[in-house]
C-alpha cells in the first residue's frame, strides 16, 4: 500500500512537507502541518499521524523518486497493519498535500493493496 505524488520536484515537495511540520512544532511562519509527525531513522524519513485514535499505528516511509514522491506504509512495532489504518493514513496524507502543497505536485495516487516494498495487511 503506497501513496504517490506526481511531481518534477520530489525532493522539494518532501522538503516543504518537513518544513511545514517543523513550522508547527517551532511556531514558525509559512505553511503549518499539525497532523503529522516526522521521524528520521537510519537516514530514512518516516511520518505518523498525530490524531489520538490513530497516533503511531503505522508509519509512511518517504522516498523521492524520479517524477514522484512515494510514501510506503509500514506497521508500527507491535501493531497489525489493517486496511482501516492504511485507509485513514493514505486519505489524510493526500488531504494534507492537497490543502498545503497544491502547486508542487500534479496528481496523487493511493494503491489499495501492497505495492513495491510495502508490507501486506495482516
PDB file of N, CA and C in Angstrom:
ATOM      1  N   UNK A   1       0.858  -1.144   0.000  1.00  0.00           N
ATOM      2  CA  UNK A   1       0.000   0.000   0.000  1.00  0.00           C
ATOM      3  C   UNK A   1       0.912   1.217   0.000  1.00  0.00           C
ATOM      4  N   UNK A   2       0.676   2.064  -0.970  1.00  0.00           N
ATOM      5  CA  UNK A   2       1.545   3.220  -1.118  1.00  0.00           C
ATOM      6  C   UNK A   2       0.742   4.407  -1.622  1.00  0.00           C
ATOM      7  N   UNK A   3       1.294   5.586  -1.375  1.00  0.00           N
ATOM      8  CA  UNK A   3       0.730   6.828  -1.885  1.00  0.00           C
ATOM      9  C   UNK A   3       1.819   7.495  -2.709  1.00  0.00           C
ATOM     10  N   UNK A   4       1.443   7.940  -3.909  1.00  0.00           N
ATOM     11  CA  UNK A   4       2.390   8.581  -4.811  1.00  0.00           C
ATOM     12  C   UNK A   4       1.900   9.975  -5.176  1.00  0.00           C
ATOM     13  N   UNK A   5       2.829  10.916  -5.194  1.00  0.00           N
ATOM     14  CA  UNK A   5       2.535  12.271  -5.639  1.00  0.00           C
ATOM     15  C   UNK A   5       3.369  12.548  -6.880  1.00  0.00           C
ATOM     16  N   UNK A   6       2.715  12.787  -7.999  1.00  0.00           N
ATOM     17  CA  UNK A   6       3.419  13.087  -9.243  1.00  0.00           C
ATOM     18  C   UNK A   6       3.974  14.511  -9.158  1.00  0.00           C
ATOM     19  N   UNK A   7       5.270  14.637  -9.386  1.00  0.00           N
ATOM     20  CA  UNK A   7       5.930  15.932  -9.296  1.00  0.00           C
ATOM     21  C   UNK A   7       7.266  15.874 -10.013  1.00  0.00           C
ATOM     22  N   UNK A   8       7.698  16.999 -10.548  1.00  0.00           N
ATOM     23  CA  UNK A   8       9.037  17.057 -11.122  1.00  0.00           C
ATOM     24  C   UNK A   8      10.036  17.570 -10.092  1.00  0.00           C
ATOM     25  N   UNK A   9       9.583  17.720  -8.839  1.00  0.00           N
ATOM     26  CA  UNK A   9      10.438  18.195  -7.756  1.00  0.00           C
ATOM     27  C   UNK A   9      10.127  17.419  -6.473  1.00  0.00           C
ATOM     28  N   UNK A  10      10.396  16.116  -6.480  1.00  0.00           N
ATOM     29  CA  UNK A  10      10.089  15.265  -5.325  1.00  0.00           C
ATOM     30  C   UNK A  10      10.836  15.715  -4.083  1.00  0.00           C
ATOM     31  N   UNK A  11      12.103  16.052  -4.231  1.00  0.00           N
ATOM     32  CA  UNK A  11      12.893  16.495  -3.072  1.00  0.00           C
ATOM     33  C   UNK A  11      12.334  17.801  -2.513  1.00  0.00           C
ATOM     34  N   UNK A  12      11.914  18.701  -3.379  1.00  0.00           N
ATOM     35  CA  UNK A  12      11.336  19.969  -2.930  1.00  0.00           C
ATOM     36  C   UNK A  12      10.005  19.782  -2.234  1.00  0.00           C
ATOM     37  N   UNK A  13       9.178  18.856  -2.737  1.00  0.00           N
ATOM     38  CA  UNK A  13       7.895  18.564  -2.103  1.00  0.00           C
ATOM     39  C   UNK A  13       8.111  17.967  -0.717  1.00  0.00           C
ATOM     40  N   UNK A  14       9.050  17.044  -0.598  1.00  0.00           N
ATOM     41  CA  UNK A  14       9.353  16.448   0.698  1.00  0.00           C
ATOM     42  C   UNK A  14       9.909  17.503   1.659  1.00  0.00           C
ATOM     43  N   UNK A  15      10.754  18.375   1.157  1.00  0.00           N
ATOM     44  CA  UNK A  15      11.306  19.454   1.987  1.00  0.00           C
ATOM     45  C   UNK A  15      10.189  20.377   2.478  1.00  0.00           C
ATOM     46  N   UNK A  16       9.233  20.701   1.611  1.00  0.00           N
ATOM     47  CA  UNK A  16       8.112  21.558   2.007  1.00  0.00           C
ATOM     48  C   UNK A  16       7.271  20.893   3.091  1.00  0.00           C
ATOM     49  N   UNK A  17       7.036  19.585   2.967  1.00  0.00           N
ATOM     50  CA  UNK A  17       6.278  18.839   3.976  1.00  0.00           C
ATOM     51  C   UNK A  17       7.018  18.863   5.312  1.00  0.00           C
ATOM     52  N   UNK A  18       8.302  18.569   5.282  1.00  0.00           N
ATOM     53  CA  UNK A  18       9.099  18.586   6.514  1.00  0.00           C
ATOM     54  C   UNK A  18       9.109  19.969   7.147  1.00  0.00           C
ATOM     55  N   UNK A  19       9.233  21.008   6.323  1.00  0.00           N
ATOM     56  CA  UNK A  19       9.275  22.375   6.845  1.00  0.00           C
ATOM     57  C   UNK A  19       7.936  22.755   7.485  1.00  0.00           C
ATOM     58  N   UNK A  20       6.837  22.347   6.868  1.00  0.00           N
ATOM     59  CA  UNK A  20       5.519  22.667   7.421  1.00  0.00           C
ATOM     60  C   UNK A  20       5.295  21.972   8.762  1.00  0.00           C
ATOM     61  N   UNK A  21       5.793  20.746   8.904  1.00  0.00           N
ATOM     62  CA  UNK A  21       5.707  20.046  10.193  1.00  0.00           C
ATOM     63  C   UNK A  21       6.570  20.776  11.218  1.00  0.00           C
ATOM     64  N   UNK A  22       7.790  21.149  10.831  1.00  0.00           N
ATOM     65  CA  UNK A  22       8.692  21.877  11.737  1.00  0.00           C
ATOM     66  C   UNK A  22       8.105  23.233  12.116  1.00  0.00           C
ATOM     67  N   UNK A  23       7.466  23.923  11.180  1.00  0.00           N
ATOM     68  CA  UNK A  23       6.853  25.224  11.472  1.00  0.00           C
ATOM     69  C   UNK A  23       5.812  25.100  12.566  1.00  0.00           C
ATOM     70  N   UNK A  24       5.050  24.017  12.554  1.00  0.00           N
ATOM     71  CA  UNK A  24       4.048  23.817  13.602  1.00  0.00           C
ATOM     72  C   UNK A  24       4.724  23.629  14.960  1.00  0.00           C
ATOM     73  N   UNK A  25       5.745  22.797  15.001  1.00  0.00           N
ATOM     74  CA  UNK A  25       6.401  22.490  16.272  1.00  0.00           C
ATOM     75  C   UNK A  25       7.213  23.659  16.821  1.00  0.00           C
ATOM     76  N   UNK A  26       7.736  24.495  15.933  1.00  0.00           N
ATOM     77  CA  UNK A  26       8.585  25.606  16.361  1.00  0.00           C
ATOM     78  C   UNK A  26       7.895  26.955  16.188  1.00  0.00           C
ATOM     79  N   UNK A  27       6.588  26.914  15.892  1.00  0.00           N
ATOM     80  CA  UNK A  27       5.785  28.124  15.724  1.00  0.00           C
ATOM     81  C   UNK A  27       6.382  29.049  14.666  1.00  0.00           C
ATOM     82  N   UNK A  28       6.892  28.462  13.589  1.00  0.00           N
ATOM     83  CA  UNK A  28       7.477  29.238  12.504  1.00  0.00           C
ATOM     84  C   UNK A  28       6.418  29.769  11.561  1.00  0.00           C
ATOM     85  N   UNK A  29       6.849  30.640  10.659  1.00  0.00           N
ATOM     86  CA  UNK A  29       5.952  31.200   9.658  1.00  0.00           C
ATOM     87  C   UNK A  29       5.761  30.226   8.513  1.00  0.00           C
ATOM     88  N   UNK A  30       4.895  30.568   7.595  1.00  0.00           N
ATOM     89  CA  UNK A  30       4.650  29.725   6.437  1.00  0.00           C
ATOM     90  C   UNK A  30       3.647  28.630   6.722  1.00  0.00           C
ATOM     91  N   UNK A  31       3.599  27.655   5.822  1.00  0.00           N
ATOM     92  CA  UNK A  31       2.674  26.532   5.982  1.00  0.00           C
ATOM     93  C   UNK A  31       2.931  25.820   7.310  1.00  0.00           C
ATOM     94  N   UNK A  32       1.849  25.369   7.944  1.00  0.00           N
ATOM     95  CA  UNK A  32       1.966  24.622   9.204  1.00  0.00           C
ATOM     96  C   UNK A  32       1.125  23.367   9.115  1.00  0.00           C
ATOM     97  N   UNK A  33       1.769  22.228   9.345  1.00  0.00           N
ATOM     98  CA  UNK A  33       1.071  20.947   9.370  1.00  0.00           C
ATOM     99  C   UNK A  33       1.159  20.404  10.785  1.00  0.00           C
ATOM    100  N   UNK A  34      -0.015  20.240  11.423  1.00  0.00           N
ATOM    101  CA  UNK A  34      -0.025  19.782  12.811  1.00  0.00           C
ATOM    102  C   UNK A  34      -0.530  18.349  12.970  1.00  0.00           C
ATOM    103  N   UNK A  35      -0.878  17.699  11.879  1.00  0.00           N
ATOM    104  CA  UNK A  35      -1.459  16.364  11.971  1.00  0.00           C
ATOM    105  C   UNK A  35      -0.475  15.245  11.669  1.00  0.00           C
ATOM    106  N   UNK A  36       0.777  15.579  11.381  1.00  0.00           N
ATOM    107  CA  UNK A  36       1.795  14.582  11.079  1.00  0.00           C
ATOM    108  C   UNK A  36       3.040  14.846  11.896  1.00  0.00           C
ATOM    109  N   UNK A  37       3.709  13.763  12.279  1.00  0.00           N
ATOM    110  CA  UNK A  37       4.985  13.851  12.998  1.00  0.00           C
ATOM    111  C   UNK A  37       6.057  13.228  12.110  1.00  0.00           C
ATOM    112  N   UNK A  38       7.192  13.885  12.025  1.00  0.00           N
ATOM    113  CA  UNK A  38       8.322  13.457  11.191  1.00  0.00           C
ATOM    114  C   UNK A  38       9.387  12.844  12.087  1.00  0.00           C
ATOM    115  N   UNK A  39       9.852  11.653  11.718  1.00  0.00           N
ATOM    116  CA  UNK A  39      10.899  10.946  12.455  1.00  0.00           C
ATOM    117  C   UNK A  39      11.935  10.494  11.431  1.00  0.00           C
ATOM    118  N   UNK A  40      13.215  10.708  11.741  1.00  0.00           N
ATOM    119  CA  UNK A  40      14.279  10.199  10.880  1.00  0.00           C
ATOM    120  C   UNK A  40      14.921   9.024  11.597  1.00  0.00           C
ATOM    121  N   UNK A  41      14.962   7.887  10.903  1.00  0.00           N
ATOM    122  CA  UNK A  41      15.576   6.691  11.486  1.00  0.00           C
ATOM    123  C   UNK A  41      16.384   6.002  10.391  1.00  0.00           C
ATOM    124  N   UNK A  42      17.649   5.778  10.670  1.00  0.00           N
ATOM    125  CA  UNK A  42      18.519   5.131   9.702  1.00  0.00           C
ATOM    126  C   UNK A  42      18.649   5.911   8.407  1.00  0.00           C
ATOM    127  N   UNK A  43      18.562   7.228   8.496  1.00  0.00           N
ATOM    128  CA  UNK A  43      18.661   8.071   7.317  1.00  0.00           C
ATOM    129  C   UNK A  43      17.394   8.132   6.477  1.00  0.00           C
ATOM    130  N   UNK A  44      16.339   7.472   6.906  1.00  0.00           N
ATOM    131  CA  UNK A  44      15.063   7.462   6.188  1.00  0.00           C
ATOM    132  C   UNK A  44      14.067   8.374   6.885  1.00  0.00           C
ATOM    133  N   UNK A  45      13.217   9.025   6.096  1.00  0.00           N
ATOM    134  CA  UNK A  45      12.144   9.869   6.617  1.00  0.00           C
ATOM    135  C   UNK A  45      10.895   9.036   6.831  1.00  0.00           C
ATOM    136  N   UNK A  46      10.341   9.095   8.042  1.00  0.00           N
ATOM    137  CA  UNK A  46       9.100   8.398   8.377  1.00  0.00           C
ATOM    138  C   UNK A  46       8.105   9.403   8.942  1.00  0.00           C
ATOM    139  N   UNK A  47       6.814   9.121   8.699  1.00  0.00           N
ATOM    140  CA  UNK A  47       5.752  10.026   9.142  1.00  0.00           C
ATOM    141  C   UNK A  47       4.625   9.221   9.753  1.00  0.00           C
ATOM    142  N   UNK A  48       4.106   9.701  10.882  1.00  0.00           N
ATOM    143  CA  UNK A  48       2.958   9.071  11.513  1.00  0.00           C
ATOM    144  C   UNK A  48       1.916  10.138  11.808  1.00  0.00           C
ATOM    145  N   UNK A  49       0.673   9.728  11.820  1.00  0.00           N
ATOM    146  CA  UNK A  49      -0.413  10.676  12.084  1.00  0.00           C
ATOM    147  C   UNK A  49      -0.488  10.953  13.577  1.00  0.00           C
ATOM    148  N   UNK A  50      -0.938  12.145  13.941  1.00  0.00           N
ATOM    149  CA  UNK A  50      -0.942  12.539  15.351  1.00  0.00           C
ATOM    150  C   UNK A  50      -2.324  12.519  16.008  1.00  0.00           C
ATOM    151  N   UNK A  51      -3.368  12.176  15.256  1.00  0.00           N
ATOM    152  CA  UNK A  51      -4.705  12.100  15.857  1.00  0.00           C
ATOM    153  C   UNK A  51      -4.699  11.039  16.958  1.00  0.00           C
ATOM    154  N   UNK A  52      -5.353  11.328  18.060  1.00  0.00           N
ATOM    155  CA  UNK A  52      -5.294  10.457  19.231  1.00  0.00           C
ATOM    156  C   UNK A  52      -5.622   8.996  18.913  1.00  0.00           C
ATOM    157  N   UNK A  53      -6.667   8.746  18.151  1.00  0.00           N
ATOM    158  CA  UNK A  53      -7.065   7.367  17.855  1.00  0.00           C
ATOM    159  C   UNK A  53      -6.163   6.679  16.843  1.00  0.00           C
ATOM    160  N   UNK A  54      -5.318   7.425  16.128  1.00  0.00           N
ATOM    161  CA  UNK A  54      -4.513   6.857  15.043  1.00  0.00           C
ATOM    162  C   UNK A  54      -3.015   7.049  15.259  1.00  0.00           C
ATOM    163  N   UNK A  55      -2.640   7.725  16.300  1.00  0.00           N
ATOM    164  CA  UNK A  55      -1.243   8.065  16.560  1.00  0.00           C
ATOM    165  C   UNK A  55      -0.373   6.815  16.653  1.00  0.00           C
ATOM    166  N   UNK A  56       0.711   6.833  15.870  1.00  0.00           N
ATOM    167  CA  UNK A  56       1.727   5.777  15.911  1.00  0.00           C
ATOM    168  C   UNK A  56       1.194   4.381  15.581  1.00  0.00           C
ATOM    169  N   UNK A  57       0.093   4.295  14.828  1.00  0.00           N
ATOM    170  CA  UNK A  57      -0.426   2.986  14.397  1.00  0.00           C
ATOM    171  C   UNK A  57       0.393   2.444  13.226  1.00  0.00           C
ATOM    172  N   UNK A  58       0.954   3.364  12.436  1.00  0.00           N
ATOM    173  CA  UNK A  58       1.758   2.995  11.267  1.00  0.00           C
ATOM    174  C   UNK A  58       2.649   4.172  10.933  1.00  0.00           C
ATOM    175  N   UNK A  59       3.565   3.943  10.017  1.00  0.00           N
ATOM    176  CA  UNK A  59       4.467   4.995   9.553  1.00  0.00           C
ATOM    177  C   UNK A  59       4.561   4.922   8.035  1.00  0.00           C
ATOM    178  N   UNK A  60       4.577   6.085   7.406  1.00  0.00           N
ATOM    179  CA  UNK A  60       4.880   6.159   5.984  1.00  0.00           C
ATOM    180  C   UNK A  60       6.370   6.437   5.841  1.00  0.00           C
ATOM    181  N   UNK A  61       7.039   5.668   4.996  1.00  0.00           N
ATOM    182  CA  UNK A  61       8.444   5.932   4.650  1.00  0.00           C
ATOM    183  C   UNK A  61       8.440   6.688   3.334  1.00  0.00           C
ATOM    184  N   UNK A  62       9.081   7.845   3.315  1.00  0.00           N
ATOM    185  CA  UNK A  62       9.103   8.686   2.123  1.00  0.00           C
ATOM    186  C   UNK A  62      10.353   8.432   1.300  1.00  0.00           C
ATOM    187  N   UNK A  63      10.173   8.387  -0.014  1.00  0.00           N
ATOM    188  CA  UNK A  63      11.286   8.242  -0.948  1.00  0.00           C
ATOM    189  C   UNK A  63      11.069   9.183  -2.118  1.00  0.00           C
ATOM    190  N   UNK A  64      12.037  10.069  -2.353  1.00  0.00           N
ATOM    191  CA  UNK A  64      11.997  10.943  -3.520  1.00  0.00           C
ATOM    192  C   UNK A  64      12.491  10.131  -4.711  1.00  0.00           C
ATOM    193  N   UNK A  65      11.602   9.886  -5.658  1.00  0.00           N
ATOM    194  CA  UNK A  65      11.919   9.106  -6.850  1.00  0.00           C
ATOM    195  C   UNK A  65      11.843  10.024  -8.072  1.00  0.00           C
ATOM    196  N   UNK A  66      12.213   9.495  -9.217  1.00  0.00           N
ATOM    197  CA  UNK A  66      12.118  10.268 -10.451  1.00  0.00           C
ATOM    198  C   UNK A  66      10.646  10.536 -10.751  1.00  0.00           C
ATOM    199  N   UNK A  67      10.276  11.787 -10.833  1.00  0.00           N
ATOM    200  CA  UNK A  67       8.926  12.244 -11.177  1.00  0.00           C
ATOM    201  C   UNK A  67       7.840  11.906 -10.169  1.00  0.00           C
ATOM    202  N   UNK A  68       8.230  11.482  -8.951  1.00  0.00           N
ATOM    203  CA  UNK A  68       7.198  11.280  -7.936  1.00  0.00           C
ATOM    204  C   UNK A  68       7.822  11.193  -6.544  1.00  0.00           C
ATOM    205  N   UNK A  69       6.991  11.535  -5.566  1.00  0.00           N
ATOM    206  CA  UNK A  69       7.327  11.336  -4.163  1.00  0.00           C
ATOM    207  C   UNK A  69       6.491  10.161  -3.704  1.00  0.00           C
ATOM    208  N   UNK A  70       7.148   9.114  -3.207  1.00  0.00           N
ATOM    209  CA  UNK A  70       6.468   7.880  -2.822  1.00  0.00           C
ATOM    210  C   UNK A  70       6.450   7.726  -1.306  1.00  0.00           C
ATOM    211  N   UNK A  71       5.320   7.312  -0.775  1.00  0.00           N
ATOM    212  CA  UNK A  71       5.165   7.008   0.638  1.00  0.00           C
ATOM    213  C   UNK A  71       4.701   5.563   0.757  1.00  0.00           C
ATOM    214  N   UNK A  72       5.533   4.716   1.340  1.00  0.00           N
ATOM    215  CA  UNK A  72       5.195   3.310   1.565  1.00  0.00           C
ATOM    216  C   UNK A  72       4.879   3.122   3.039  1.00  0.00           C
ATOM    217  N   UNK A  73       3.815   2.395   3.331  1.00  0.00           N
ATOM    218  CA  UNK A  73       3.388   2.248   4.723  1.00  0.00           C
ATOM    219  C   UNK A  73       4.045   1.039   5.377  1.00  0.00           C
ATOM    220  N   UNK A  74       4.396   1.202   6.630  1.00  0.00           N
ATOM    221  CA  UNK A  74       4.917   0.106   7.448  1.00  0.00           C
ATOM    222  C   UNK A  74       4.182   0.151   8.791  1.00  0.00           C
ATOM    223  N   UNK A  75       3.920  -1.007   9.329  1.00  0.00           N
ATOM    224  CA  UNK A  75       3.230  -1.082  10.616  1.00  0.00           C
ATOM    225  C   UNK A  75       4.153  -0.619  11.731  1.00  0.00           C
ATOM    226  N   UNK A  76       3.585  -0.014  12.731  1.00  0.00           N
ATOM    227  CA  UNK A  76       4.347   0.328  13.931  1.00  0.00           C
ATOM    228  C   UNK A  76       4.635  -0.958  14.692  1.00  0.00           C
ATOM    229  N   UNK A  77       5.695  -0.937  15.457  1.00  0.00           N
ATOM    230  CA  UNK A  77       6.071  -2.121  16.230  1.00  0.00           C
ATOM    231  C   UNK A  77       4.927  -2.524  17.152  1.00  0.00           C
ATOM    232  N   UNK A  78       4.560  -3.814  17.092  1.00  0.00           N
ATOM    233  CA  UNK A  78       3.505  -4.335  17.943  1.00  0.00           C
ATOM    234  C   UNK A  78       2.095  -4.062  17.447  1.00  0.00           C
ATOM    235  N   UNK A  79       1.953  -3.479  16.247  1.00  0.00           N
ATOM    236  CA  UNK A  79       0.639  -3.162  15.698  1.00  0.00           C
ATOM    237  C   UNK A  79       0.456  -3.933  14.394  1.00  0.00           C
ATOM    238  N   UNK A  80      -0.678  -4.591  14.252  1.00  0.00           N
ATOM    239  CA  UNK A  80      -1.005  -5.255  12.983  1.00  0.00           C
ATOM    240  C   UNK A  80      -1.568  -4.211  12.032  1.00  0.00           C
ATOM    241  N   UNK A  81      -0.979  -4.131  10.848  1.00  0.00           N
ATOM    242  CA  UNK A  81      -1.443  -3.176   9.855  1.00  0.00           C
ATOM    243  C   UNK A  81      -2.758  -3.665   9.262  1.00  0.00           C
ATOM    244  N   UNK A  82      -3.780  -2.834   9.356  1.00  0.00           N
ATOM    245  CA  UNK A  82      -5.092  -3.183   8.816  1.00  0.00           C
ATOM    246  C   UNK A  82      -5.442  -2.242   7.673  1.00  0.00           C
ATOM    247  N   UNK A  83      -6.423  -2.649   6.907  1.00  0.00           N
ATOM    248  CA  UNK A  83      -6.901  -1.799   5.816  1.00  0.00           C
ATOM    249  C   UNK A  83      -7.456  -0.484   6.371  1.00  0.00           C
ATOM    250  N   UNK A  84      -8.103  -0.513   7.535  1.00  0.00           N
ATOM    251  CA  UNK A  84      -8.636   0.711   8.135  1.00  0.00           C
ATOM    252  C   UNK A  84      -7.522   1.692   8.471  1.00  0.00           C
ATOM    253  N   UNK A  85      -6.430   1.192   9.031  1.00  0.00           N
ATOM    254  CA  UNK A  85      -5.292   2.065   9.360  1.00  0.00           C
ATOM    255  C   UNK A  85      -4.729   2.668   8.088  1.00  0.00           C
ATOM    256  N   UNK A  86      -4.481   1.835   7.085  1.00  0.00           N
ATOM    257  CA  UNK A  86      -3.925   2.342   5.829  1.00  0.00           C
ATOM    258  C   UNK A  86      -4.866   3.362   5.190  1.00  0.00           C
ATOM    259  N   UNK A  87      -6.155   3.063   5.142  1.00  0.00           N
ATOM    260  CA  UNK A  87      -7.121   3.971   4.522  1.00  0.00           C
ATOM    261  C   UNK A  87      -7.112   5.329   5.215  1.00  0.00           C
ATOM    262  N   UNK A  88      -7.062   5.315   6.533  1.00  0.00           N
ATOM    263  CA  UNK A  88      -7.030   6.580   7.275  1.00  0.00           C
ATOM    264  C   UNK A  88      -5.754   7.348   6.955  1.00  0.00           C
ATOM    265  N   UNK A  89      -4.608   6.678   7.045  1.00  0.00           N
ATOM    266  CA  UNK A  89      -3.328   7.347   6.804  1.00  0.00           C
ATOM    267  C   UNK A  89      -3.230   7.856   5.368  1.00  0.00           C
ATOM    268  N   UNK A  90      -3.590   7.027   4.387  1.00  0.00           N
ATOM    269  CA  UNK A  90      -3.489   7.432   2.983  1.00  0.00           C
ATOM    270  C   UNK A  90      -4.414   8.604   2.685  1.00  0.00           C
ATOM    271  N   UNK A  91      -5.649   8.516   3.154  1.00  0.00           N
ATOM    272  CA  UNK A  91      -6.604   9.596   2.920  1.00  0.00           C
ATOM    273  C   UNK A  91      -6.158  10.909   3.527  1.00  0.00           C
ATOM    274  N   UNK A  92      -5.635  10.839   4.724  1.00  0.00           N
ATOM    275  CA  UNK A  92      -5.207  12.068   5.393  1.00  0.00           C
ATOM    276  C   UNK A  92      -3.911  12.624   4.813  1.00  0.00           C
ATOM    277  N   UNK A  93      -3.041  11.759   4.324  1.00  0.00           N
ATOM    278  CA  UNK A  93      -1.830  12.262   3.683  1.00  0.00           C
ATOM    279  C   UNK A  93      -2.184  13.010   2.399  1.00  0.00           C
ATOM    280  N   UNK A  94      -3.049  12.427   1.593  1.00  0.00           N
ATOM    281  CA  UNK A  94      -3.463  13.098   0.361  1.00  0.00           C
ATOM    282  C   UNK A  94      -4.170  14.412   0.685  1.00  0.00           C
ATOM    283  N   UNK A  95      -5.041  14.411   1.669  1.00  0.00           N
ATOM    284  CA  UNK A  95      -5.737  15.642   2.083  1.00  0.00           C
ATOM    285  C   UNK A  95      -4.749  16.713   2.502  1.00  0.00           C
ATOM    286  N   UNK A  96      -3.724  16.326   3.257  1.00  0.00           N
ATOM    287  CA  UNK A  96      -2.712  17.286   3.716  1.00  0.00           C
ATOM    288  C   UNK A  96      -1.985  17.917   2.533  1.00  0.00           C
ATOM    289  N   UNK A  97      -1.619  17.097   1.557  1.00  0.00           N
ATOM    290  CA  UNK A  97      -0.874  17.611   0.405  1.00  0.00           C
ATOM    291  C   UNK A  97      -1.755  18.483  -0.487  1.00  0.00           C
ATOM    292  N   UNK A  98      -3.014  18.112  -0.673  1.00  0.00           N
ATOM    293  CA  UNK A  98      -3.921  18.956  -1.454  1.00  0.00           C
ATOM    294  C   UNK A  98      -4.115  20.299  -0.774  1.00  0.00           C
ATOM    295  N   UNK A  99      -4.268  20.281   0.519  1.00  0.00           N
ATOM    296  CA  UNK A  99      -4.516  21.508   1.277  1.00  0.00           C
ATOM    297  C   UNK A  99      -3.297  22.424   1.325  1.00  0.00           C
ATOM    298  N   UNK A 100      -2.118  21.868   1.529  1.00  0.00           N
ATOM    299  CA  UNK A 100      -0.934  22.687   1.795  1.00  0.00           C
ATOM    300  C   UNK A 100       0.048  22.845   0.632  1.00  0.00           C
ATOM    301  N   UNK A 101       0.077  21.907  -0.309  1.00  0.00           N
ATOM    302  CA  UNK A 101       1.121  21.930  -1.345  1.00  0.00           C
ATOM    303  C   UNK A 101       0.567  21.748  -2.758  1.00  0.00           C
ATOM    304  N   UNK A 102      -0.555  22.378  -3.101  1.00  0.00           N
ATOM    305  CA  UNK A 102      -1.203  22.113  -4.386  1.00  0.00           C
ATOM    306  C   UNK A 102      -0.397  22.529  -5.614  1.00  0.00           C
ATOM    307  N   UNK A 103       0.579  23.389  -5.440  1.00  0.00           N
ATOM    308  CA  UNK A 103       1.347  23.853  -6.598  1.00  0.00           C
ATOM    309  C   UNK A 103       2.632  23.061  -6.819  1.00  0.00           C
ATOM    310  N   UNK A 104       2.931  22.093  -5.932  1.00  0.00           N
ATOM    311  CA  UNK A 104       4.200  21.361  -6.039  1.00  0.00           C
ATOM    312  C   UNK A 104       3.999  19.955  -6.602  1.00  0.00           C
ATOM    313  N   UNK A 105       2.754  19.506  -6.754  1.00  0.00           N
ATOM    314  CA  UNK A 105       2.505  18.197  -7.371  1.00  0.00           C
ATOM    315  C   UNK A 105       1.302  18.310  -8.298  1.00  0.00           C
ATOM    316  N   UNK A 106       1.181  17.359  -9.205  1.00  0.00           N
ATOM    317  CA  UNK A 106       0.111  17.429 -10.200  1.00  0.00           C
ATOM    318  C   UNK A 106      -0.953  16.359 -10.032  1.00  0.00           C
ATOM    319  N   UNK A 107      -0.649  15.293  -9.307  1.00  0.00           N
ATOM    320  CA  UNK A 107      -1.627  14.223  -9.096  1.00  0.00           C
ATOM    321  C   UNK A 107      -1.213  13.396  -7.888  1.00  0.00           C
ATOM    322  N   UNK A 108      -2.205  12.789  -7.253  1.00  0.00           N
ATOM    323  CA  UNK A 108      -1.963  11.882  -6.127  1.00  0.00           C
ATOM    324  C   UNK A 108      -2.619  10.551  -6.448  1.00  0.00           C
ATOM    325  N   UNK A 109      -1.966   9.475  -6.013  1.00  0.00           N
ATOM    326  CA  UNK A 109      -2.492   8.133  -6.248  1.00  0.00           C
ATOM    327  C   UNK A 109      -2.257   7.295  -5.000  1.00  0.00           C
ATOM    328  N   UNK A 110      -3.260   6.545  -4.595  1.00  0.00           N
ATOM    329  CA  UNK A 110      -3.124   5.606  -3.480  1.00  0.00           C
ATOM    330  C   UNK A 110      -3.428   4.215  -4.005  1.00  0.00           C
ATOM    331  N   UNK A 111      -2.555   3.262  -3.712  1.00  0.00           N
ATOM    332  CA  UNK A 111      -2.812   1.885  -4.122  1.00  0.00           C
ATOM    333  C   UNK A 111      -3.682   1.215  -3.069  1.00  0.00           C
ATOM    334  N   UNK A 112      -4.596   0.324  -3.472  1.00  0.00           N
ATOM    335  CA  UNK A 112      -5.463  -0.330  -2.497  1.00  0.00           C
ATOM    336  C   UNK A 112      -4.836  -1.554  -1.840  1.00  0.00           C
ATOM    337  N   UNK A 113      -3.742  -2.045  -2.414  1.00  0.00           N
ATOM    338  CA  UNK A 113      -3.082  -3.246  -1.903  1.00  0.00           C
ATOM    339  C   UNK A 113      -1.575  -3.034  -1.903  1.00  0.00           C
ATOM    340  N   UNK A 114      -0.856  -4.018  -1.425  1.00  0.00           N
ATOM    341  CA  UNK A 114       0.604  -3.906  -1.322  1.00  0.00           C
ATOM    342  C   UNK A 114       1.212  -3.557  -2.677  1.00  0.00           C
ATOM    343  N   UNK A 115       2.241  -2.692  -2.619  1.00  0.00           N
ATOM    344  CA  UNK A 115       2.956  -2.264  -3.829  1.00  0.00           C
ATOM    345  C   UNK A 115       4.415  -2.076  -3.481  1.00  0.00           C
ATOM    346  N   UNK A 116       5.291  -2.569  -4.334  1.00  0.00           N
ATOM    347  CA  UNK A 116       6.722  -2.384  -4.096  1.00  0.00           C
ATOM    348  C   UNK A 116       7.169  -3.014  -2.797  1.00  0.00           C
ATOM    349  N   UNK A 117       7.785  -2.217  -1.934  1.00  0.00           N
ATOM    350  CA  UNK A 117       8.341  -2.728  -0.676  1.00  0.00           C
ATOM    351  C   UNK A 117       7.356  -2.638   0.494  1.00  0.00           C
ATOM    352  N   UNK A 118       6.087  -2.364   0.197  1.00  0.00           N
ATOM    353  CA  UNK A 118       5.095  -2.283   1.258  1.00  0.00           C
ATOM    354  C   UNK A 118       4.898  -3.615   1.976  1.00  0.00           C
ATOM    355  N   UNK A 119       4.497  -3.530   3.217  1.00  0.00           N
ATOM    356  CA  UNK A 119       4.062  -4.709   3.960  1.00  0.00           C
ATOM    357  C   UNK A 119       2.612  -4.986   3.591  1.00  0.00           C
ATOM    358  N   UNK A 120       2.203  -6.231   3.647  1.00  0.00           N
ATOM    359  CA  UNK A 120       0.812  -6.590   3.375  1.00  0.00           C
ATOM    360  C   UNK A 120      -0.006  -6.463   4.648  1.00  0.00           C
ATOM    361  N   UNK A 121      -1.328  -6.464   4.470  1.00  0.00           N
ATOM    362  CA  UNK A 121      -2.219  -6.423   5.626  1.00  0.00           C
ATOM    363  C   UNK A 121      -2.144  -7.733   6.366  1.00  0.00           C
ATOM    364  N   UNK A 122      -2.350  -7.659   7.656  1.00  0.00           N
ATOM    365  CA  UNK A 122      -2.380  -8.861   8.498  1.00  0.00           C
ATOM    366  C   UNK A 122      -3.793  -9.378   8.553  1.00  0.00           C
TER     367      UNK A 122
END
